[in-house]
Amino acid sequence: MDNLTVLCSNYNSDRWIDGYLESVNNQLLENFTIVFVDANSTDHSLKTIKNYKFRDGITKKVIENKTRVTIYEAWNMAIESSDTDFVINFNTDDRLFPGGLLTLHQTMVQNPEVDITYANSLVCGDEKHTIIKGIQNWPNYTHETLLANCIFGPFPILKKSTIVKNGLFNPKYTISGDYEMWLRLSKKGCKFLKLNDYVGTYYDNPKGVSSDRSTLQEHVRQDTEIRKLYR
């Protein structure tokens, strides 16, 4: 039974979309849906996504935008179009190990009181994910720890009902929208679970939404504002 939706925001991902699609197709979780929300790409990545044939058990949906949208607006569109119990964001420049979705999904099913599960990942210094430069071994959740740092990494899995009940991602925060969501849910008493497994690889993309040095000042400003809201 299809019980998980992968949220994928796509914008001009030609350089790594082939590896991403292969990573999705190789997942051991038998049945799931992936919703691609294209943010008005100008390269060939949307065409590649639309033409790709996933294995049986993977349902593909594509939402096309005629104007540029932010990653959080894209995630909101994907959430609203989903009809599964669980959702997970999975960015085009990252990779999940074949057992990644299966491990995360099983953890949520086996712990019905949990709203969000997060896990460790490796850090890669190249877009092909061949050079390991570090690890993301996140601390166990407390509200104080989350206030100090966004600790959930690139692959948090959530109950859809939790995120809908408490409001979708706030598009006001163009860089730190996920951080605002986690702190909002934390303040409301939602349950978080740290999984010690390493479920995938994160590309330390110098032009990523949260890692671009040219937007560091704005990133810090948004984080500071969010911490004041939820401390």
C-alpha atoms as a PDB file:
ATOM      1  CA  MET A   1       0.000   0.000   0.000  1.00  0.00           C
ATOM      2  CA  ASP A   2       1.276   3.461  -0.947  1.00  0.00           C
ATOM      3  CA  ASN A   3       1.703   5.321   2.354  1.00  0.00           C
ATOM      4  CA  LEU A   4       4.538   7.796   1.682  1.00  0.00           C
ATOM      5  CA  THR A   5       4.954  10.790  -0.604  1.00  0.00           C
ATOM      6  CA  VAL A   6       8.368  12.173  -1.547  1.00  0.00           C
ATOM      7  CA  LEU A   7       8.365  15.955  -2.004  1.00  0.00           C
ATOM      8  CA  CYS A   8      10.774  17.137  -4.688  1.00  0.00           C
ATOM      9  CA  SER A   9      11.279  20.766  -5.696  1.00  0.00           C
ATOM     10  CA  ASN A  10      13.056  20.968  -9.031  1.00  0.00           C
ATOM     11  CA  TYR A  11      14.808  23.951 -10.563  1.00  0.00           C
ATOM     12  CA  ASN A  12      17.496  23.622 -13.254  1.00  0.00           C
ATOM     13  CA  SER A  13      18.905  20.358 -11.905  1.00  0.00           C
ATOM     14  CA  ASP A  14      20.397  19.061 -15.176  1.00  0.00           C
ATOM     15  CA  ARG A  15      23.797  18.488 -13.542  1.00  0.00           C
ATOM     16  CA  TRP A  16      22.531  15.868 -11.088  1.00  0.00           C
ATOM     17  CA  ILE A  17      18.974  14.868 -11.996  1.00  0.00           C
ATOM     18  CA  ASP A  18      20.012  11.557 -13.592  1.00  0.00           C
ATOM     19  CA  GLY A  19      21.680  10.383 -10.386  1.00  0.00           C
ATOM     20  CA  TYR A  20      18.716  11.577  -8.356  1.00  0.00           C
ATOM     21  CA  LEU A  21      16.179   9.669 -10.424  1.00  0.00           C
ATOM     22  CA  GLU A  22      18.314   6.532 -10.169  1.00  0.00           C
ATOM     23  CA  SER A  23      18.491   6.954  -6.383  1.00  0.00           C
ATOM     24  CA  VAL A  24      14.691   7.202  -6.200  1.00  0.00           C
ATOM     25  CA  ASN A  25      14.201   4.231  -8.515  1.00  0.00           C
ATOM     26  CA  ASN A  26      16.557   2.040  -6.433  1.00  0.00           C
ATOM     27  CA  GLN A  27      14.646   2.489  -3.169  1.00  0.00           C
ATOM     28  CA  LEU A  28      13.742  -0.773  -1.435  1.00  0.00           C
ATOM     29  CA  LEU A  29      10.440   0.591  -0.158  1.00  0.00           C
ATOM     30  CA  GLU A  30       8.050  -1.200  -2.473  1.00  0.00           C
ATOM     31  CA  ASN A  31       5.343   1.430  -2.967  1.00  0.00           C
ATOM     32  CA  PHE A  32       5.478   5.218  -2.705  1.00  0.00           C
ATOM     33  CA  THR A  33       4.607   8.386  -4.599  1.00  0.00           C
ATOM     34  CA  ILE A  34       6.984  11.130  -5.673  1.00  0.00           C
ATOM     35  CA  VAL A  35       5.642  14.601  -6.486  1.00  0.00           C
ATOM     36  CA  PHE A  36       7.925  16.797  -8.576  1.00  0.00           C
ATOM     37  CA  VAL A  37       7.147  20.508  -8.397  1.00  0.00           C
ATOM     38  CA  ASP A  38       9.041  22.331 -11.113  1.00  0.00           C
ATOM     39  CA  ALA A  39       9.861  25.967 -10.338  1.00  0.00           C
ATOM     40  CA  ASN A  40       9.852  27.142 -13.971  1.00  0.00           C
ATOM     41  CA  SER A  41      13.134  25.494 -14.962  1.00  0.00           C
ATOM     42  CA  THR A  42      14.950  26.800 -18.017  1.00  0.00           C
ATOM     43  CA  ASP A  43      17.144  23.727 -18.630  1.00  0.00           C
ATOM     44  CA  HIS A  44      16.182  20.183 -19.670  1.00  0.00           C
ATOM     45  CA  SER A  45      15.635  18.777 -16.175  1.00  0.00           C
ATOM     46  CA  LEU A  46      11.828  18.940 -16.321  1.00  0.00           C
ATOM     47  CA  LYS A  47      11.818  17.048 -19.631  1.00  0.00           C
ATOM     48  CA  THR A  48      14.140  14.435 -18.113  1.00  0.00           C
ATOM     49  CA  ILE A  49      11.804  13.997 -15.140  1.00  0.00           C
ATOM     50  CA  LYS A  50       8.699  13.713 -17.309  1.00  0.00           C
ATOM     51  CA  ASN A  51      10.323  11.133 -19.594  1.00  0.00           C
ATOM     52  CA  TYR A  52      11.808   8.966 -16.828  1.00  0.00           C
ATOM     53  CA  LYS A  53      10.126   5.584 -16.322  1.00  0.00           C
ATOM     54  CA  PHE A  54      10.147   4.484 -12.699  1.00  0.00           C
ATOM     55  CA  ARG A  55       9.836   0.830 -11.723  1.00  0.00           C
ATOM     56  CA  ASP A  56       6.482  -0.631 -10.762  1.00  0.00           C
ATOM     57  CA  GLY A  57       5.376   0.578  -7.324  1.00  0.00           C
ATOM     58  CA  ILE A  58       6.575   4.175  -7.730  1.00  0.00           C
ATOM     59  CA  THR A  59       3.873   6.674  -8.708  1.00  0.00           C
ATOM     60  CA  LYS A  60       5.089   9.914 -10.305  1.00  0.00           C
ATOM     61  CA  LYS A  61       3.230  13.218 -10.267  1.00  0.00           C
ATOM     62  CA  VAL A  62       4.536  16.408 -11.897  1.00  0.00           C
ATOM     63  CA  ILE A  63       3.354  19.926 -11.082  1.00  0.00           C
ATOM     64  CA  GLU A  64       4.596  22.629 -13.468  1.00  0.00           C
ATOM     65  CA  ASN A  65       4.816  26.309 -12.577  1.00  0.00           C
ATOM     66  CA  LYS A  66       5.007  29.109 -15.122  1.00  0.00           C
ATOM     67  CA  THR A  67       6.743  31.429 -12.655  1.00  0.00           C
ATOM     68  CA  ARG A  68       9.643  30.935 -10.238  1.00  0.00           C
ATOM     69  CA  VAL A  69       8.549  29.569  -6.872  1.00  0.00           C
ATOM     70  CA  THR A  70      10.587  28.999  -3.714  1.00  0.00           C
ATOM     71  CA  ILE A  71      11.439  25.552  -2.387  1.00  0.00           C
ATOM     72  CA  TYR A  72       8.951  25.963   0.471  1.00  0.00           C
ATOM     73  CA  GLU A  73       6.154  27.020  -1.859  1.00  0.00           C
ATOM     74  CA  ALA A  74       6.965  23.935  -3.931  1.00  0.00           C
ATOM     75  CA  TRP A  75       6.861  21.663  -0.883  1.00  0.00           C
ATOM     76  CA  ASN A  76       3.477  23.125   0.084  1.00  0.00           C
ATOM     77  CA  MET A  77       2.117  22.352  -3.385  1.00  0.00           C
ATOM     78  CA  ALA A  78       3.406  18.786  -3.147  1.00  0.00           C
ATOM     79  CA  ILE A  79       1.942  18.287   0.339  1.00  0.00           C
ATOM     80  CA  GLU A  80      -1.434  19.594  -0.761  1.00  0.00           C
ATOM     81  CA  SER A  81      -1.461  17.193  -3.721  1.00  0.00           C
ATOM     82  CA  SER A  82      -0.506  14.159  -1.601  1.00  0.00           C
ATOM     83  CA  ASP A  83      -2.912  11.619  -0.119  1.00  0.00           C
ATOM     84  CA  THR A  84      -0.548   9.515   2.015  1.00  0.00           C
ATOM     85  CA  ASP A  85      -0.006   9.366   5.768  1.00  0.00           C
ATOM     86  CA  PHE A  86       3.661  10.393   5.570  1.00  0.00           C
ATOM     87  CA  VAL A  87       5.700  12.899   3.559  1.00  0.00           C
ATOM     88  CA  ILE A  88       9.448  13.445   3.176  1.00  0.00           C
ATOM     89  CA  ASN A  89      11.417  16.124   1.351  1.00  0.00           C
ATOM     90  CA  PHE A  90      14.237  14.811  -0.840  1.00  0.00           C
ATOM     91  CA  ASN A  91      16.264  17.398  -2.773  1.00  0.00           C
ATOM     92  CA  THR A  92      17.612  16.742  -6.249  1.00  0.00           C
ATOM     93  CA  ASP A  93      21.271  17.270  -5.268  1.00  0.00           C
ATOM     94  CA  ASP A  94      21.136  14.726  -2.407  1.00  0.00           C
ATOM     95  CA  ARG A  95      21.022  10.921  -2.498  1.00  0.00           C
ATOM     96  CA  LEU A  96      19.279   8.294  -0.361  1.00  0.00           C
ATOM     97  CA  PHE A  97      20.809   4.875   0.188  1.00  0.00           C
ATOM     98  CA  PRO A  98      18.579   2.103  -1.237  1.00  0.00           C
ATOM     99  CA  GLY A  99      17.246   1.299   2.229  1.00  0.00           C
ATOM    100  CA  GLY A 100      16.719   4.954   3.178  1.00  0.00           C
ATOM    101  CA  LEU A 101      13.004   5.367   2.553  1.00  0.00           C
ATOM    102  CA  LEU A 102      12.245   1.877   3.878  1.00  0.00           C
ATOM    103  CA  THR A 103      14.088   2.532   7.150  1.00  0.00           C
ATOM    104  CA  LEU A 104      12.468   5.923   7.713  1.00  0.00           C
ATOM    105  CA  HIS A 105       8.986   4.706   6.807  1.00  0.00           C
ATOM    106  CA  GLN A 106       9.210   1.616   9.016  1.00  0.00           C
ATOM    107  CA  THR A 107      10.350   3.767  11.936  1.00  0.00           C
ATOM    108  CA  MET A 108       7.291   6.002  11.604  1.00  0.00           C
ATOM    109  CA  VAL A 109       4.909   3.051  11.303  1.00  0.00           C
ATOM    110  CA  GLN A 110       6.444   1.345  14.352  1.00  0.00           C
ATOM    111  CA  ASN A 111       6.279   4.538  16.440  1.00  0.00           C
ATOM    112  CA  PRO A 112       2.774   5.936  15.871  1.00  0.00           C
ATOM    113  CA  GLU A 113       3.177   8.553  18.606  1.00  0.00           C
ATOM    114  CA  VAL A 114       6.032  10.226  16.682  1.00  0.00           C
ATOM    115  CA  ASP A 115       5.376  13.193  14.381  1.00  0.00           C
ATOM    116  CA  ILE A 116       8.845  13.545  12.833  1.00  0.00           C
ATOM    117  CA  THR A 117      11.773  11.156  12.461  1.00  0.00           C
ATOM    118  CA  TYR A 118      15.213  12.381  11.413  1.00  0.00           C
ATOM    119  CA  ALA A 119      18.425  10.475  10.736  1.00  0.00           C
ATOM    120  CA  ASN A 120      22.134  10.833  10.148  1.00  0.00           C
ATOM    121  CA  SER A 121      23.755  11.290   6.754  1.00  0.00           C
ATOM    122  CA  LEU A 122      27.161  11.505   5.124  1.00  0.00           C
ATOM    123  CA  VAL A 123      28.395  14.771   3.599  1.00  0.00           C
ATOM    124  CA  CYS A 124      29.776  14.749   0.044  1.00  0.00           C
ATOM    125  CA  GLY A 125      31.965  17.404  -1.498  1.00  0.00           C
ATOM    126  CA  ASP A 126      31.069  16.658  -5.111  1.00  0.00           C
ATOM    127  CA  GLU A 127      27.804  16.577  -7.024  1.00  0.00           C
ATOM    128  CA  LYS A 128      28.374  12.957  -8.099  1.00  0.00           C
ATOM    129  CA  HIS A 129      28.453  11.878  -4.422  1.00  0.00           C
ATOM    130  CA  THR A 130      31.785  10.076  -4.702  1.00  0.00           C
ATOM    131  CA  ILE A 131      33.874  12.094  -2.207  1.00  0.00           C
ATOM    132  CA  ILE A 132      32.911  11.796   1.467  1.00  0.00           C
ATOM    133  CA  LYS A 133      34.066  14.884   3.367  1.00  0.00           C
ATOM    134  CA  GLY A 134      32.257  14.460   6.670  1.00  0.00           C
ATOM    135  CA  ILE A 135      29.275  13.134   8.587  1.00  0.00           C
ATOM    136  CA  GLN A 136      26.094  14.610   9.993  1.00  0.00           C
ATOM    137  CA  ASN A 137      25.606  12.844  13.326  1.00  0.00           C
ATOM    138  CA  TRP A 138      22.763  14.863  14.760  1.00  0.00           C
ATOM    139  CA  PRO A 139      22.083  15.217  18.499  1.00  0.00           C
ATOM    140  CA  ASN A 140      18.946  13.890  20.149  1.00  0.00           C
ATOM    141  CA  TYR A 141      16.075  16.340  20.068  1.00  0.00           C
ATOM    142  CA  THR A 142      15.286  18.851  22.780  1.00  0.00           C
ATOM    143  CA  HIS A 143      13.678  22.218  22.141  1.00  0.00           C
ATOM    144  CA  GLU A 144      16.810  23.944  23.456  1.00  0.00           C
ATOM    145  CA  THR A 145      19.033  21.921  21.124  1.00  0.00           C
ATOM    146  CA  LEU A 146      16.820  22.776  18.170  1.00  0.00           C
ATOM    147  CA  LEU A 147      16.941  26.475  19.089  1.00  0.00           C
ATOM    148  CA  ALA A 148      20.734  26.289  18.912  1.00  0.00           C
ATOM    149  CA  ASN A 149      20.864  24.568  15.521  1.00  0.00           C
ATOM    150  CA  CYS A 150      18.648  23.120  12.801  1.00  0.00           C
ATOM    151  CA  ILE A 151      19.363  19.476  13.649  1.00  0.00           C
ATOM    152  CA  PHE A 152      17.052  17.473  11.392  1.00  0.00           C
ATOM    153  CA  GLY A 153      19.271  17.238   8.324  1.00  0.00           C
ATOM    154  CA  PRO A 154      18.199  16.657   4.709  1.00  0.00           C
ATOM    155  CA  PHE A 155      15.811  13.708   5.174  1.00  0.00           C
ATOM    156  CA  PRO A 156      13.168  14.319   7.875  1.00  0.00           C
ATOM    157  CA  ILE A 157       9.974  12.276   7.488  1.00  0.00           C
ATOM    158  CA  LEU A 158       6.703  13.663   8.853  1.00  0.00           C
ATOM    159  CA  LYS A 159       3.105  12.740   9.428  1.00  0.00           C
ATOM    160  CA  LYS A 160       1.143  14.665   6.824  1.00  0.00           C
ATOM    161  CA  SER A 161      -1.651  15.249   9.338  1.00  0.00           C
ATOM    162  CA  THR A 162       0.778  16.986  11.699  1.00  0.00           C
ATOM    163  CA  ILE A 163       2.028  19.475   9.150  1.00  0.00           C
ATOM    164  CA  VAL A 164      -1.469  20.180   7.797  1.00  0.00           C
ATOM    165  CA  LYS A 165      -2.918  20.651  11.292  1.00  0.00           C
ATOM    166  CA  ASN A 166      -0.189  23.098  12.293  1.00  0.00           C
ATOM    167  CA  GLY A 167       0.043  25.002   9.023  1.00  0.00           C
ATOM    168  CA  LEU A 168       2.222  24.500   5.963  1.00  0.00           C
ATOM    169  CA  PHE A 169       5.688  25.997   5.375  1.00  0.00           C
ATOM    170  CA  ASN A 170       5.761  29.783   5.710  1.00  0.00           C
ATOM    171  CA  PRO A 171       6.961  31.181   2.344  1.00  0.00           C
ATOM    172  CA  LYS A 172       8.055  34.369   4.123  1.00  0.00           C
ATOM    173  CA  TYR A 173      11.222  32.502   5.107  1.00  0.00           C
ATOM    174  CA  THR A 174      12.856  31.851   1.748  1.00  0.00           C
ATOM    175  CA  ILE A 175      16.000  30.246   3.241  1.00  0.00           C
ATOM    176  CA  SER A 176      14.989  29.040   6.706  1.00  0.00           C
ATOM    177  CA  GLY A 177      11.435  27.887   6.072  1.00  0.00           C
ATOM    178  CA  ASP A 178      12.173  24.347   7.235  1.00  0.00           C
ATOM    179  CA  TYR A 179      13.811  25.623  10.442  1.00  0.00           C
ATOM    180  CA  GLU A 180      10.748  27.748  11.172  1.00  0.00           C
ATOM    181  CA  MET A 181       8.514  24.711  10.664  1.00  0.00           C
ATOM    182  CA  TRP A 182      10.513  22.460  12.996  1.00  0.00           C
ATOM    183  CA  LEU A 183      10.585  25.080  15.760  1.00  0.00           C
ATOM    184  CA  ARG A 184       6.880  25.773  15.300  1.00  0.00           C
ATOM    185  CA  LEU A 185       6.059  22.080  15.674  1.00  0.00           C
ATOM    186  CA  SER A 186       8.454  21.783  18.605  1.00  0.00           C
ATOM    187  CA  LYS A 187       6.786  24.669  20.422  1.00  0.00           C
ATOM    188  CA  LYS A 188       3.408  23.004  19.879  1.00  0.00           C
ATOM    189  CA  GLY A 189       4.600  19.828  21.585  1.00  0.00           C
ATOM    190  CA  CYS A 190       5.024  17.530  18.597  1.00  0.00           C
ATOM    191  CA  LYS A 191       7.071  14.351  19.075  1.00  0.00           C
ATOM    192  CA  PHE A 192      10.492  13.965  17.437  1.00  0.00           C
ATOM    193  CA  LEU A 193      12.610  10.825  17.110  1.00  0.00           C
ATOM    194  CA  LYS A 194      16.321  10.615  16.248  1.00  0.00           C
ATOM    195  CA  LEU A 195      17.274   7.554  14.183  1.00  0.00           C
ATOM    196  CA  ASN A 196      20.947   6.637  14.476  1.00  0.00           C
ATOM    197  CA  ASP A 197      21.132   5.050  11.009  1.00  0.00           C
ATOM    198  CA  TYR A 198      22.894   6.806   8.130  1.00  0.00           C
ATOM    199  CA  VAL A 199      20.225   6.933   5.429  1.00  0.00           C
ATOM    200  CA  GLY A 200      21.867   8.929   2.625  1.00  0.00           C
ATOM    201  CA  THR A 201      24.378  11.491   1.421  1.00  0.00           C
ATOM    202  CA  TYR A 202      24.060  15.273   1.495  1.00  0.00           C
ATOM    203  CA  TYR A 203      25.840  17.361  -1.136  1.00  0.00           C
ATOM    204  CA  ASP A 204      27.469  20.421   0.410  1.00  0.00           C
ATOM    205  CA  ASN A 205      26.301  22.486  -2.525  1.00  0.00           C
ATOM    206  CA  PRO A 206      28.003  25.919  -2.623  1.00  0.00           C
ATOM    207  CA  LYS A 207      24.886  27.317  -4.322  1.00  0.00           C
ATOM    208  CA  GLY A 208      22.294  25.505  -2.223  1.00  0.00           C
ATOM    209  CA  VAL A 209      19.372  27.354  -0.622  1.00  0.00           C
ATOM    210  CA  SER A 210      20.857  27.110   2.871  1.00  0.00           C
ATOM    211  CA  SER A 211      24.569  26.871   1.994  1.00  0.00           C
ATOM    212  CA  ASP A 212      25.116  29.708  -0.488  1.00  0.00           C
ATOM    213  CA  ARG A 213      27.674  32.065   1.052  1.00  0.00           C
ATOM    214  CA  SER A 214      26.282  35.021  -0.885  1.00  0.00           C
ATOM    215  CA  THR A 215      23.029  34.809   1.102  1.00  0.00           C
ATOM    216  CA  LEU A 216      24.629  34.097   4.483  1.00  0.00           C
ATOM    217  CA  GLN A 217      23.645  37.438   5.977  1.00  0.00           C
ATOM    218  CA  GLU A 218      19.982  36.918   5.072  1.00  0.00           C
ATOM    219  CA  HIS A 219      20.161  33.331   6.314  1.00  0.00           C
ATOM    220  CA  VAL A 220      21.423  34.507   9.701  1.00  0.00           C
ATOM    221  CA  ARG A 221      18.753  37.220   9.836  1.00  0.00           C
ATOM    222  CA  GLN A 222      15.966  34.723   9.196  1.00  0.00           C
ATOM    223  CA  ASP A 223      17.331  32.226  11.731  1.00  0.00           C
ATOM    224  CA  THR A 224      17.630  34.940  14.372  1.00  0.00           C
ATOM    225  CA  GLU A 225      14.061  36.121  13.790  1.00  0.00           C
ATOM    226  CA  ILE A 226      12.740  32.558  13.985  1.00  0.00           C
ATOM    227  CA  ARG A 227      14.583  31.809  17.226  1.00  0.00           C
ATOM    228  CA  LYS A 228      13.051  34.890  18.837  1.00  0.00           C
ATOM    229  CA  LEU A 229       9.584  33.670  17.833  1.00  0.00           C
ATOM    230  CA  TYR A 230       9.925  30.240  19.388  1.00  0.00           C
ATOM    231  CA  ARG A 231      12.390  30.489  22.272  1.00  0.00           C
END
